[in-house]
Amino acid sequence: MPNLPTPDRNGGVLALGEALIDAVTTDFVTDLSEARTLGLHPGGSPANLCRFVRASGGAATLVAAVGRDGLGKILLDAMAAAGIDPKHVQQLAGHATSLIVVGRSRGTPDFIPYRDADRFLQPVDEALIAAAAVVHTTAFALSLAPARDTILDAFSKAHARGIAVSVDWNYAEPVWGTGNDAAEVFNQLMQYRPLLKVSLDDVQRFTGAAPTVEAAKDYLRALPAVVTCLTCGAEGVWYRENGEDWRHQPAEPVVVKDATGAGDAFWAGFLTARMAGQPTEGCVQRGIATAARRLRGEL
């Protein structure tokens, strides 16, 4: 049955999408007009997810595209150091490694994307798809062609094989642009009945609905996702299996050192538990614990 990860597939999570440099402000800021100094950090949601899956004891493979440049080397070296084999990361001559300027924050950070190589992701080896327990991507990765077409093709092949697909719908209009076709792409994804992770901010930005938990739950309830997780920061996580009622788990109380990547850490914990055959409640608990480790600066 689709979207029930199987233990006999030893490839673990196959993450498709962006590996890029996060140029993060060294100080906490309310918006990027306050930025003065930046530190360069390996980033990109799929790349972060792979790192956190590995740190949680799971298997993960990243397929991404970077430039054949110094920033790309930073990313490749960081992957190797985290135990992620970089051999499936495509190094593209003539394209610069993508970069995002990010404001250090205790909540949802302000950011500006500068993109090149990540959007030119080349076709995915079918052997990687066949070996995966879960094939994962993000709204960011799907925002531009030709990477979008590459990823949707991989999702189609995974679904046809009965392999679970996973989406972090981290939608942001500055990434997609005004007058975009994100709704059409989202509807395409829903035909694969994914494991879906969204934040309250994501839903508000994508739908224009009121920024309330109830408005988000009303929208998400109609979707055919196998499992939907609505992350609400310090308010915890609302989650539901298709056809079931919403359930809630509180967040762990933590002193936030850095919120960047906390959503990726949550989903890494969730997917790692899912691949181990845990029930959805246990997957959410594992996700919350992993996110707390990230917030405390332990990951």
Protein backbone atom coordinates (compact mmCIF):
# COMPACT_ATOMS: atom_id res chain seq x y z
CA MET A 1 0.00 0.00 0.00
CA PRO A 2 1.42 3.45 -0.85
CA ASN A 3 2.86 5.57 1.92
CA LEU A 4 3.52 2.80 4.40
CA PRO A 5 7.35 2.71 4.45
CA THR A 6 8.66 -0.83 4.25
CA PRO A 7 11.64 -2.01 6.35
CA ASP A 8 12.98 -4.16 3.48
CA ARG A 9 13.85 -1.07 1.46
CA ASN A 10 17.27 -0.19 2.83
CA GLY A 11 17.65 3.21 1.15
CA GLY A 12 15.78 4.99 3.93
CA VAL A 13 14.72 8.53 3.06
CA LEU A 14 15.51 9.70 -0.47
CA ALA A 15 15.39 13.50 -0.26
CA LEU A 16 15.13 15.47 -3.50
CA GLY A 17 15.69 19.21 -3.65
CA GLU A 18 17.83 22.04 -2.46
CA ALA A 19 21.25 21.98 -0.88
CA LEU A 20 22.34 25.58 -0.41
CA ILE A 21 24.17 27.99 1.82
CA ASP A 22 22.28 29.67 4.65
CA ALA A 23 23.93 33.03 5.23
CA VAL A 24 22.57 33.59 8.75
CA THR A 25 22.82 36.80 10.74
CA THR A 26 25.16 36.43 13.68
CA ASP A 27 22.71 38.31 15.91
CA PHE A 28 18.98 37.84 16.47
CA VAL A 29 16.98 40.20 14.24
CA THR A 30 13.31 41.00 13.72
CA ASP A 31 13.90 41.46 9.99
CA LEU A 32 16.87 41.58 7.63
CA SER A 33 17.10 45.37 7.64
CA GLU A 34 18.87 44.88 10.99
CA ALA A 35 21.47 42.47 9.53
CA ARG A 36 25.11 43.54 9.73
CA THR A 37 27.20 40.37 9.77
CA LEU A 38 26.50 36.92 8.37
CA GLY A 39 27.86 33.44 8.97
CA LEU A 40 27.83 30.79 6.23
CA HIS A 41 26.14 27.51 7.13
CA PRO A 42 25.28 24.42 5.07
CA GLY A 43 21.52 24.43 4.55
CA GLY A 44 18.55 23.63 2.39
CA SER A 45 15.58 21.82 3.89
CA PRO A 46 16.17 18.40 2.21
CA ALA A 47 19.87 18.55 3.09
CA ASN A 48 19.04 19.47 6.70
CA LEU A 49 16.50 16.67 6.86
CA CYS A 50 19.07 14.11 5.71
CA ARG A 51 21.53 15.32 8.34
CA PHE A 52 18.91 15.07 11.10
CA VAL A 53 17.73 11.63 9.91
CA ARG A 54 21.32 10.41 10.12
CA ALA A 55 21.70 11.94 13.58
CA SER A 56 18.52 10.09 14.60
CA GLY A 57 19.94 6.76 13.48
CA GLY A 58 18.13 6.52 10.15
CA ALA A 59 19.38 6.15 6.58
CA ALA A 60 19.15 9.07 4.15
CA THR A 61 20.28 9.88 0.63
CA LEU A 62 20.29 13.37 -0.85
CA VAL A 63 19.86 14.20 -4.53
CA ALA A 64 20.53 17.90 -5.07
CA ALA A 65 22.37 20.28 -7.40
CA VAL A 66 25.14 22.71 -6.43
CA GLY A 67 27.60 24.81 -8.35
CA ARG A 68 31.12 23.69 -9.08
CA ASP A 69 32.42 26.40 -6.75
CA GLY A 70 33.67 27.11 -3.26
CA LEU A 71 30.21 27.28 -1.71
CA GLY A 72 29.36 23.96 -3.29
CA LYS A 73 32.51 22.49 -1.73
CA ILE A 74 31.38 23.72 1.69
CA LEU A 75 28.16 21.77 1.21
CA LEU A 76 29.85 18.60 -0.05
CA ASP A 77 32.34 18.63 2.81
CA ALA A 78 29.56 19.16 5.35
CA MET A 79 27.56 16.25 3.95
CA ALA A 80 30.52 13.92 4.15
CA ALA A 81 31.19 15.02 7.73
CA ALA A 82 27.54 14.27 8.63
CA GLY A 83 27.76 10.78 7.17
CA ILE A 84 25.75 11.61 4.04
CA ASP A 85 27.30 10.24 0.86
CA PRO A 86 27.59 13.27 -1.48
CA LYS A 87 27.98 11.18 -4.64
CA HIS A 88 24.39 11.88 -5.74
CA VAL A 89 24.79 15.65 -5.34
CA GLN A 90 25.18 17.01 -8.84
CA GLN A 91 27.95 19.59 -9.35
CA LEU A 92 26.90 21.82 -12.23
CA ALA A 93 29.48 23.83 -14.15
CA GLY A 94 28.22 27.23 -15.19
CA HIS A 95 25.81 27.56 -12.25
CA ALA A 96 26.44 29.11 -8.85
CA THR A 97 25.52 27.38 -5.62
CA SER A 98 22.24 28.79 -4.34
CA LEU A 99 22.26 30.92 -1.20
CA ILE A 100 19.65 32.26 1.22
CA VAL A 101 20.19 35.15 3.60
CA VAL A 102 18.39 34.25 6.84
CA GLY A 103 17.66 36.32 9.92
CA ARG A 104 18.51 34.51 13.16
CA SER A 105 15.22 34.22 15.02
CA ARG A 106 13.35 32.55 17.87
CA GLY A 107 10.39 32.13 15.53
CA THR A 108 9.84 31.92 11.78
CA PRO A 109 12.91 33.64 10.28
CA ASP A 110 12.96 36.39 7.66
CA PHE A 111 14.87 35.36 4.52
CA ILE A 112 15.85 36.35 0.97
CA PRO A 113 16.70 33.61 -1.60
CA TYR A 114 19.40 33.93 -4.28
CA ARG A 115 18.96 30.88 -6.49
CA ASP A 116 20.78 29.24 -9.38
CA ALA A 117 22.09 25.66 -9.30
CA ASP A 118 19.33 24.13 -7.17
CA ARG A 119 16.69 24.74 -9.84
CA PHE A 120 18.60 22.71 -12.44
CA LEU A 121 18.34 19.34 -10.69
CA GLN A 122 18.88 16.52 -13.19
CA PRO A 123 16.83 13.26 -13.41
CA VAL A 124 16.98 10.90 -10.43
CA ASP A 125 18.49 7.42 -10.75
CA GLU A 126 15.58 4.96 -10.71
CA ALA A 127 17.63 2.54 -8.61
CA LEU A 128 17.65 5.12 -5.81
CA ILE A 129 13.88 5.44 -6.00
CA ALA A 130 13.40 1.67 -5.97
CA ALA A 131 15.58 1.30 -2.86
CA ALA A 132 13.92 4.09 -0.87
CA ALA A 133 11.42 3.64 1.95
CA VAL A 134 10.27 7.26 1.55
CA VAL A 135 10.83 9.80 -1.24
CA HIS A 136 10.73 13.33 0.14
CA THR A 137 10.73 16.89 -1.20
CA THR A 138 9.74 20.46 -0.34
CA ALA A 139 7.68 23.31 -1.71
CA PHE A 140 10.92 25.27 -2.13
CA ALA A 141 12.38 22.59 -4.40
CA LEU A 142 9.18 22.44 -6.46
CA SER A 143 8.94 26.19 -7.02
CA LEU A 144 11.04 26.33 -10.20
CA ALA A 145 11.44 24.21 -13.32
CA PRO A 146 13.24 22.13 -14.45
CA ALA A 147 13.82 20.80 -10.90
CA ARG A 148 10.05 20.68 -10.41
CA ASP A 149 9.58 18.35 -13.38
CA THR A 150 12.44 16.13 -12.22
CA ILE A 151 10.94 15.78 -8.74
CA LEU A 152 7.36 15.20 -9.88
CA ASP A 153 8.61 12.50 -12.24
CA ALA A 154 10.40 10.81 -9.34
CA PHE A 155 7.25 11.03 -7.20
CA SER A 156 5.21 9.43 -9.96
CA LYS A 157 7.69 6.55 -10.22
CA ALA A 158 7.80 6.09 -6.45
CA HIS A 159 4.01 6.07 -6.16
CA ALA A 160 3.74 3.52 -8.98
CA ARG A 161 6.06 1.24 -6.99
CA GLY A 162 4.03 1.64 -3.80
CA ILE A 163 6.76 3.70 -2.15
CA ALA A 164 5.77 6.38 0.35
CA VAL A 165 6.14 10.01 -0.67
CA SER A 166 6.59 12.89 1.74
CA VAL A 167 6.20 16.65 1.33
CA ASP A 168 7.21 19.54 3.54
CA TRP A 169 4.97 22.23 2.04
CA ASN A 170 7.15 25.11 3.25
CA TYR A 171 5.44 27.56 0.91
CA ALA A 172 6.59 31.17 0.71
CA GLU A 173 5.57 33.66 -1.96
CA PRO A 174 9.06 35.25 -2.17
CA VAL A 175 10.29 31.84 -3.35
CA TRP A 176 7.48 31.13 -5.81
CA GLY A 177 6.87 34.70 -7.00
CA THR A 178 3.58 36.55 -7.40
CA GLY A 179 0.89 35.05 -9.62
CA ASN A 180 2.46 31.61 -9.25
CA ASP A 181 1.10 28.12 -9.93
CA ALA A 182 1.76 26.67 -6.48
CA ALA A 183 -1.87 25.56 -6.07
CA GLU A 184 -1.67 23.52 -9.26
CA VAL A 185 1.57 21.86 -8.15
CA PHE A 186 0.11 21.17 -4.70
CA ASN A 187 -2.91 19.48 -6.29
CA GLN A 188 -0.56 17.29 -8.34
CA LEU A 189 1.19 16.22 -5.14
CA MET A 190 -2.07 15.30 -3.46
CA GLN A 191 -2.79 12.62 -6.06
CA TYR A 192 0.12 10.67 -4.50
CA ARG A 193 -1.50 10.76 -1.02
CA PRO A 194 1.68 11.97 0.69
CA LEU A 195 2.85 12.20 4.23
CA LEU A 196 2.34 15.96 4.61
CA LYS A 197 4.08 18.36 6.96
CA VAL A 198 3.05 22.02 7.09
CA SER A 199 3.46 24.78 9.63
CA LEU A 200 0.74 27.19 10.66
CA ASP A 201 2.67 29.93 8.86
CA ASP A 202 2.87 27.79 5.70
CA VAL A 203 -0.91 27.33 5.58
CA GLN A 204 -1.60 31.01 6.15
CA ARG A 205 0.87 32.07 3.44
CA PHE A 206 -0.42 29.48 0.97
CA THR A 207 -4.18 29.87 1.46
CA GLY A 208 -4.54 33.40 2.77
CA ALA A 209 -6.72 31.98 5.55
CA ALA A 210 -6.80 33.48 9.02
CA PRO A 211 -3.58 32.62 10.91
CA THR A 212 -5.40 30.40 13.40
CA VAL A 213 -5.11 26.70 14.15
CA GLU A 214 -8.81 26.12 13.51
CA ALA A 215 -8.69 27.77 10.07
CA ALA A 216 -5.66 25.69 9.13
CA LYS A 217 -7.27 22.46 10.37
CA ASP A 218 -10.44 23.22 8.40
CA TYR A 219 -8.41 23.59 5.21
CA LEU A 220 -6.19 20.56 5.78
CA ARG A 221 -9.05 18.24 6.79
CA ALA A 222 -10.23 17.90 3.18
CA LEU A 223 -6.84 16.81 1.82
CA PRO A 224 -6.19 13.15 0.89
CA ALA A 225 -2.79 12.99 2.61
CA VAL A 226 -2.18 9.71 4.45
CA VAL A 227 -0.94 11.66 7.49
CA THR A 228 -0.98 15.43 7.97
CA CYS A 229 1.13 17.17 10.62
CA LEU A 230 0.42 20.83 11.39
CA THR A 231 3.33 22.25 13.38
CA CYS A 232 2.52 25.23 15.58
CA GLY A 233 5.83 26.12 17.21
CA ALA A 234 5.58 26.40 20.98
CA GLU A 235 1.93 25.31 20.75
CA GLY A 236 2.95 21.83 19.63
CA VAL A 237 1.67 19.69 16.76
CA TRP A 238 -1.79 18.87 15.49
CA TYR A 239 -1.90 15.71 13.41
CA ARG A 240 -4.40 13.38 11.79
CA GLU A 241 -4.50 10.23 9.73
CA ASN A 242 -6.75 10.35 6.67
CA GLY A 243 -10.38 9.99 7.72
CA GLU A 244 -9.61 10.35 11.43
CA ASP A 245 -10.04 13.19 13.91
CA TRP A 246 -7.30 15.68 14.74
CA ARG A 247 -5.06 14.88 17.71
CA HIS A 248 -2.58 17.12 19.51
CA GLN A 249 0.77 16.75 21.21
CA PRO A 250 2.41 19.63 23.10
CA ALA A 251 5.87 20.92 22.34
CA GLU A 252 8.71 20.31 24.78
CA PRO A 253 9.51 23.44 26.80
CA VAL A 254 12.95 24.61 25.71
CA VAL A 255 15.17 27.66 25.83
CA VAL A 256 15.52 28.43 22.12
CA LYS A 257 19.08 28.79 20.93
CA ASP A 258 18.16 28.83 17.22
CA ALA A 259 14.87 28.01 15.47
CA THR A 260 16.47 27.58 12.03
CA GLY A 261 15.88 24.02 10.83
CA ALA A 262 13.54 23.03 13.68
CA GLY A 263 10.83 22.03 11.23
CA ASP A 264 13.29 19.86 9.32
CA ALA A 265 14.36 18.24 12.58
CA PHE A 266 10.74 17.49 13.49
CA TRP A 267 10.08 15.82 10.15
CA ALA A 268 13.36 13.90 10.28
CA GLY A 269 12.35 12.44 13.63
CA PHE A 270 8.86 11.68 12.34
CA LEU A 271 10.09 9.89 9.21
CA THR A 272 12.78 7.96 11.09
CA ALA A 273 10.14 6.62 13.47
CA ARG A 274 7.77 5.93 10.58
CA MET A 275 10.40 3.85 8.80
CA ALA A 276 10.91 1.91 12.02
CA GLY A 277 7.22 0.97 12.00
CA GLN A 278 6.08 3.25 14.82
CA PRO A 279 2.42 4.34 14.99
CA THR A 280 1.66 7.92 14.04
CA GLU A 281 1.50 9.06 17.68
CA GLY A 282 5.00 7.70 18.28
CA CYS A 283 6.26 9.33 15.09
CA VAL A 284 4.98 12.72 16.24
CA GLN A 285 6.55 12.23 19.68
CA ARG A 286 9.88 11.38 18.04
CA GLY A 287 9.56 14.44 15.81
CA ILE A 288 8.90 16.76 18.74
CA ALA A 289 11.86 15.37 20.65
CA THR A 290 14.15 15.79 17.63
CA ALA A 291 12.96 19.37 17.06
CA ALA A 292 13.64 20.17 20.72
CA ARG A 293 17.21 18.93 20.33
CA ARG A 294 17.63 21.27 17.37
CA LEU A 295 16.12 24.22 19.23
CA ARG A 296 18.55 23.63 22.10
CA GLY A 297 21.46 23.60 19.64
CA GLU A 298 22.21 19.90 20.12
CA LEU A 299 21.80 19.05 16.41
